[in-house]
């Protein structure tokens, strides 16, 4: 998939952002992705300045047939070495709960969130336990019935890699996997988590790699998942858009979310499976802590990397109004909804699995629409209103008050001629969809 990540806010948008969030540091309006004032609730943290003057890197950039949508914060702008710390630097569950107005009492909290990821991660349960203990979330283990790990067919999880290539694959993709389960935990602390280990498709075709996710999605449905998240993308073609793999992503009553992409406005075609009409395409924002201002002390803009575009060979997403699909000539327009995804305002996660390098990270800061997709899946599962869910249909049926409307930012260069497909504004727009959750009522 071609990476078309574009420049950030236009001059006018930066001015509007500065006026709307005057309590941000003055330097914030000068940067593409301003460093946030990070608040971590009860969690121990390094100073917020720890995220200043850092770089970002794609997590799965070096793996063939792997398109995970995660970006990791690095030690310096020109570095690819992750910023690894002994205490978390980045947002935690309390921050997301405040930013998205989540209730203190859980609703639908016994539901299961399925997370689909490639590769093996035999220590995932322990790493998830470290994350949840850090933030005071209830234990989620195999022993208490909260956590389950299976392969794409529902049997024993994929075995740890034994070759050098397999170990490298597992370690790199492990960042994606731990991000997914940690964000699902943040969205719904008492939901069950079903981690499905999809085959390592190191040498097989792109279509075969994608089709394995279809097999895993059917397994998620068979095992009773309320919601399922895919943080990967593949190049769409007739086989994936119209064949058996597409049918595998239609399970009425189960919310299916997928990352809209990290390459900004992509025109057409847009990545699979988030382009499918039966899938909720999840875009991304930059989430800033602005005490005393914004929404519960948080302000959002469209993240410049948030994927958007048109699925020119497919009909509108289920429930998508004509006014939205008209942006794509009557075809599917993405994204549908969004949440925090900018890595420089990203989530603190815990990953200690290093079979290849033997250098465990510990706490790292990660974003990308791989952060937002499992979070929205968790919101769906927590809300529990799944009987009528088919793709994003129920989102579009809800009032605009159910979402935080993100009206500033863009994911294509200024003066590019792009309109609602790449510039945030009132109502639906490509980078942020309908907006971000304002409580559970939209789900």
Foldseek 3Di string as FASTA:
>chain_A
DDFQFAFKFDPVLLVVVCVQQVLPPPCQSVDRFRQFQEDEPPFDDDGSCQLPQWDKDDLCVPFPLWFFFKIFTPNHNVDPHFDFDQGAHFYALVVQCLQQVADPDFFLLAFEEEEEFAADDVCLLVQLQVRCVSNVFDRQDVVVPQEEEAELQRHRADDQDDDLVRLVVRQSRLVLVQLLVRLLCSQRVRYGYYYYHFYRPRPDDSVVSLLSVLSSLLVCVVVRHQEYEERGWTDDDCCCQPHPSLVSLWDALHAYEYEQWQRFEDAPDGTPPQQHLQHQYEFAWRKHQRPPHDRSRIAIAQNLRTYWYFHQVAAARAQDDPVQCVLNVRGHTDHAAYYHFDQSNFHWGAWQDRSNPNDGRGITGMGGSSNIRSNVRSLSSRLPPRNRRGHLNLLNVDDLVQADQHAGMFNHDPPPPDDQRTHGHPAARHRGRSHYGNYNVSD
